[in-house]
Amino acid sequence: MGVLKEVLKYLMAAAYIAAGVNHFANPDFYTKIMPPYIPAHETMVAWSGVAEVALGALLLDPRFRTLAAWGIVAMLVVFLTVHVHMLVNHEDFGMPYWGLVLRLPLQALLILWAWWYTRPEKGSQAATPLG
């Protein structure tokens, strides 16, 4: 793995672990932004926090890196529902509309960043959870 990709892997892992911990430190923030059609907001916030911490940590283990990266991609795709909900109902969230609009391309960049870690390195075998 190249130096840049390696450094960015640690940055990504730290960001998801911190974000996941924040789900438990500030759960009200997350429950307030959830679309009303998603049930059990508190439970969903807790599970998404667990997922972020777990996937961030698993990203650091070469045996689970690909699986963790795909998990992050899937999680970010699911989180798009929250971003779209906030954009459509922007007046309810006290955030600038342009900021909510910019979150969508940012989400795409985050998905691409995670997807980068699903790709095997040139000249190496793809890591698998089973060895």
C-alpha atoms as a PDB file:
ATOM      1  CA  MET A   1       0.000   0.000   0.000  1.00  0.00           C
ATOM      2  CA  GLY A   2       1.375   3.403  -0.932  1.00  0.00           C
ATOM      3  CA  VAL A   3       2.295   5.880   1.797  1.00  0.00           C
ATOM      4  CA  LEU A   4      -0.543   8.279   0.980  1.00  0.00           C
ATOM      5  CA  LYS A   5      -3.123   5.503   0.924  1.00  0.00           C
ATOM      6  CA  GLU A   6      -1.764   4.142   4.205  1.00  0.00           C
ATOM      7  CA  VAL A   7      -1.903   7.550   5.932  1.00  0.00           C
ATOM      8  CA  LEU A   8      -5.407   8.210   4.606  1.00  0.00           C
ATOM      9  CA  LYS A   9      -6.503   4.782   5.854  1.00  0.00           C
ATOM     10  CA  TYR A  10      -5.569   5.765   9.417  1.00  0.00           C
ATOM     11  CA  LEU A  11      -7.294   9.121   8.988  1.00  0.00           C
ATOM     12  CA  MET A  12     -10.446   7.417   7.724  1.00  0.00           C
ATOM     13  CA  ALA A  13     -10.416   4.876  10.535  1.00  0.00           C
ATOM     14  CA  ALA A  14      -9.958   7.598  13.162  1.00  0.00           C
ATOM     15  CA  ALA A  15     -12.744   9.702  11.632  1.00  0.00           C
ATOM     16  CA  TYR A  16     -15.265   6.837  11.676  1.00  0.00           C
ATOM     17  CA  ILE A  17     -14.311   5.759  15.179  1.00  0.00           C
ATOM     18  CA  ALA A  18     -14.661   9.352  16.424  1.00  0.00           C
ATOM     19  CA  ALA A  19     -17.974   9.800  14.585  1.00  0.00           C
ATOM     20  CA  GLY A  20     -19.274   6.547  16.052  1.00  0.00           C
ATOM     21  CA  VAL A  21     -18.291   7.566  19.579  1.00  0.00           C
ATOM     22  CA  ASN A  22     -20.024  10.895  18.967  1.00  0.00           C
ATOM     23  CA  HIS A  23     -23.290   9.005  18.374  1.00  0.00           C
ATOM     24  CA  PHE A  24     -23.138   8.052  22.068  1.00  0.00           C
ATOM     25  CA  ALA A  25     -21.806  11.393  23.312  1.00  0.00           C
ATOM     26  CA  ASN A  26     -24.419  13.469  21.419  1.00  0.00           C
ATOM     27  CA  PRO A  27     -27.295  11.155  20.485  1.00  0.00           C
ATOM     28  CA  ASP A  28     -29.867  13.966  20.402  1.00  0.00           C
ATOM     29  CA  PHE A  29     -28.127  15.562  17.422  1.00  0.00           C
ATOM     30  CA  TYR A  30     -28.494  12.367  15.408  1.00  0.00           C
ATOM     31  CA  THR A  31     -32.049  11.546  16.457  1.00  0.00           C
ATOM     32  CA  LYS A  32     -33.190  15.051  15.444  1.00  0.00           C
ATOM     33  CA  ILE A  33     -31.904  14.686  11.877  1.00  0.00           C
ATOM     34  CA  MET A  34     -33.377  11.255  11.218  1.00  0.00           C
ATOM     35  CA  PRO A  35     -36.250  11.075   8.742  1.00  0.00           C
ATOM     36  CA  PRO A  36     -39.605  10.364  10.407  1.00  0.00           C
ATOM     37  CA  TYR A  37     -40.156   7.237   8.283  1.00  0.00           C
ATOM     38  CA  ILE A  38     -37.161   5.511   9.940  1.00  0.00           C
ATOM     39  CA  PRO A  39     -38.375   3.764  13.092  1.00  0.00           C
ATOM     40  CA  ALA A  40     -36.696   3.586  16.504  1.00  0.00           C
ATOM     41  CA  HIS A  41     -34.474   6.631  16.150  1.00  0.00           C
ATOM     42  CA  GLU A  42     -32.535   6.069  19.375  1.00  0.00           C
ATOM     43  CA  THR A  43     -31.834   2.438  18.514  1.00  0.00           C
ATOM     44  CA  MET A  44     -30.808   3.323  14.966  1.00  0.00           C
ATOM     45  CA  VAL A  45     -28.469   6.045  16.235  1.00  0.00           C
ATOM     46  CA  ALA A  46     -26.855   3.590  18.643  1.00  0.00           C
ATOM     47  CA  TRP A  47     -26.432   0.879  16.007  1.00  0.00           C
ATOM     48  CA  SER A  48     -25.032   3.316  13.467  1.00  0.00           C
ATOM     49  CA  GLY A  49     -22.537   4.455  16.118  1.00  0.00           C
ATOM     50  CA  VAL A  50     -21.532   0.847  16.767  1.00  0.00           C
ATOM     51  CA  ALA A  51     -21.191   0.272  13.017  1.00  0.00           C
ATOM     52  CA  GLU A  52     -18.969   3.327  12.554  1.00  0.00           C
ATOM     53  CA  VAL A  53     -16.669   2.341  15.417  1.00  0.00           C
ATOM     54  CA  ALA A  54     -16.477  -1.296  14.315  1.00  0.00           C
ATOM     55  CA  LEU A  55     -15.931  -0.552  10.626  1.00  0.00           C
ATOM     56  CA  GLY A  56     -13.330   2.104  11.415  1.00  0.00           C
ATOM     57  CA  ALA A  57     -11.420  -0.337  13.617  1.00  0.00           C
ATOM     58  CA  LEU A  58     -11.732  -3.217  11.126  1.00  0.00           C
ATOM     59  CA  LEU A  59     -10.352  -0.994   8.379  1.00  0.00           C
ATOM     60  CA  LEU A  60      -6.994  -1.162  10.184  1.00  0.00           C
ATOM     61  CA  ASP A  61      -6.826  -4.969  10.097  1.00  0.00           C
ATOM     62  CA  PRO A  62      -5.574  -6.185   6.699  1.00  0.00           C
ATOM     63  CA  ARG A  63      -7.686  -9.350   7.025  1.00  0.00           C
ATOM     64  CA  PHE A  64     -10.880  -7.300   7.251  1.00  0.00           C
ATOM     65  CA  ARG A  65      -9.978  -4.131   5.328  1.00  0.00           C
ATOM     66  CA  THR A  66     -11.936  -4.964   2.177  1.00  0.00           C
ATOM     67  CA  LEU A  67     -14.998  -6.081   4.132  1.00  0.00           C
ATOM     68  CA  ALA A  68     -14.830  -2.964   6.332  1.00  0.00           C
ATOM     69  CA  ALA A  69     -14.476  -0.687   3.310  1.00  0.00           C
ATOM     70  CA  TRP A  70     -17.535  -2.248   1.654  1.00  0.00           C
ATOM     71  CA  GLY A  71     -19.382  -1.855   4.957  1.00  0.00           C
ATOM     72  CA  ILE A  72     -18.481   1.830   5.033  1.00  0.00           C
ATOM     73  CA  VAL A  73     -19.658   2.254   1.441  1.00  0.00           C
ATOM     74  CA  ALA A  74     -22.988   0.600   2.300  1.00  0.00           C
ATOM     75  CA  MET A  75     -23.357   2.658   5.469  1.00  0.00           C
ATOM     76  CA  LEU A  76     -22.712   5.907   3.594  1.00  0.00           C
ATOM     77  CA  VAL A  77     -25.274   4.991   0.950  1.00  0.00           C
ATOM     78  CA  VAL A  78     -27.839   4.391   3.709  1.00  0.00           C
ATOM     79  CA  PHE A  79     -26.874   7.711   5.341  1.00  0.00           C
ATOM     80  CA  LEU A  80     -27.845   9.454   2.092  1.00  0.00           C
ATOM     81  CA  THR A  81     -31.454   9.161   3.260  1.00  0.00           C
ATOM     82  CA  VAL A  82     -30.647  11.495   6.163  1.00  0.00           C
ATOM     83  CA  HIS A  83     -28.828  13.981   3.912  1.00  0.00           C
ATOM     84  CA  VAL A  84     -31.685  14.086   1.409  1.00  0.00           C
ATOM     85  CA  HIS A  85     -34.231  14.429   4.233  1.00  0.00           C
ATOM     86  CA  MET A  86     -32.285  17.361   5.664  1.00  0.00           C
ATOM     87  CA  LEU A  87     -31.985  18.996   2.245  1.00  0.00           C
ATOM     88  CA  VAL A  88     -35.674  18.649   1.451  1.00  0.00           C
ATOM     89  CA  ASN A  89     -36.620  19.932   4.925  1.00  0.00           C
ATOM     90  CA  HIS A  90     -33.783  22.432   5.265  1.00  0.00           C
ATOM     91  CA  GLU A  91     -35.869  24.984   7.140  1.00  0.00           C
ATOM     92  CA  ASP A  92     -36.168  22.528  10.067  1.00  0.00           C
ATOM     93  CA  PHE A  93     -32.441  22.196  10.705  1.00  0.00           C
ATOM     94  CA  GLY A  94     -31.030  25.705  11.070  1.00  0.00           C
ATOM     95  CA  MET A  95     -28.239  25.019   8.614  1.00  0.00           C
ATOM     96  CA  PRO A  96     -27.513  27.023   5.480  1.00  0.00           C
ATOM     97  CA  TYR A  97     -29.114  25.467   2.423  1.00  0.00           C
ATOM     98  CA  TRP A  98     -25.830  25.626   0.504  1.00  0.00           C
ATOM     99  CA  GLY A  99     -24.164  23.626   3.292  1.00  0.00           C
ATOM    100  CA  LEU A 100     -26.757  20.894   2.998  1.00  0.00           C
ATOM    101  CA  VAL A 101     -26.340  20.871  -0.794  1.00  0.00           C
ATOM    102  CA  LEU A 102     -22.563  20.510  -0.456  1.00  0.00           C
ATOM    103  CA  ARG A 103     -23.012  17.479   1.787  1.00  0.00           C
ATOM    104  CA  LEU A 104     -24.184  15.404  -1.190  1.00  0.00           C
ATOM    105  CA  PRO A 105     -20.986  15.666  -3.256  1.00  0.00           C
ATOM    106  CA  LEU A 106     -19.005  15.314  -0.020  1.00  0.00           C
ATOM    107  CA  GLN A 107     -20.868  12.062   0.615  1.00  0.00           C
ATOM    108  CA  ALA A 108     -19.919  10.906  -2.884  1.00  0.00           C
ATOM    109  CA  LEU A 109     -16.259  11.665  -2.151  1.00  0.00           C
ATOM    110  CA  LEU A 110     -16.451   9.743   1.128  1.00  0.00           C
ATOM    111  CA  ILE A 111     -17.963   6.775  -0.714  1.00  0.00           C
ATOM    112  CA  LEU A 112     -15.168   6.881  -3.299  1.00  0.00           C
ATOM    113  CA  TRP A 113     -12.562   7.139  -0.560  1.00  0.00           C
ATOM    114  CA  ALA A 114     -13.935   4.027   1.155  1.00  0.00           C
ATOM    115  CA  TRP A 115     -14.275   2.216  -2.172  1.00  0.00           C
ATOM    116  CA  TRP A 116     -10.548   2.833  -2.769  1.00  0.00           C
ATOM    117  CA  TYR A 117      -9.840   0.398   0.078  1.00  0.00           C
ATOM    118  CA  THR A 118     -11.927  -2.333  -1.563  1.00  0.00           C
ATOM    119  CA  ARG A 119      -9.423  -2.481  -4.403  1.00  0.00           C
ATOM    120  CA  PRO A 120      -6.510  -4.908  -4.099  1.00  0.00           C
ATOM    121  CA  GLU A 121      -3.042  -3.438  -4.382  1.00  0.00           C
ATOM    122  CA  LYS A 122      -1.302  -4.116  -7.681  1.00  0.00           C
ATOM    123  CA  GLY A 123       0.766  -7.267  -7.440  1.00  0.00           C
ATOM    124  CA  SER A 124      -0.854  -8.481  -4.215  1.00  0.00           C
ATOM    125  CA  GLN A 125      -3.547 -10.921  -3.295  1.00  0.00           C
ATOM    126  CA  ALA A 126      -6.782  -9.374  -2.046  1.00  0.00           C
ATOM    127  CA  ALA A 127      -7.119  -9.706   1.719  1.00  0.00           C
ATOM    128  CA  THR A 128     -10.024 -11.843   2.867  1.00  0.00           C
ATOM    129  CA  PRO A 129     -11.528 -12.260   6.312  1.00  0.00           C
ATOM    130  CA  LEU A 130     -10.817 -15.993   6.210  1.00  0.00           C
ATOM    131  CA  GLY A 131      -7.148 -15.620   5.459  1.00  0.00           C
END
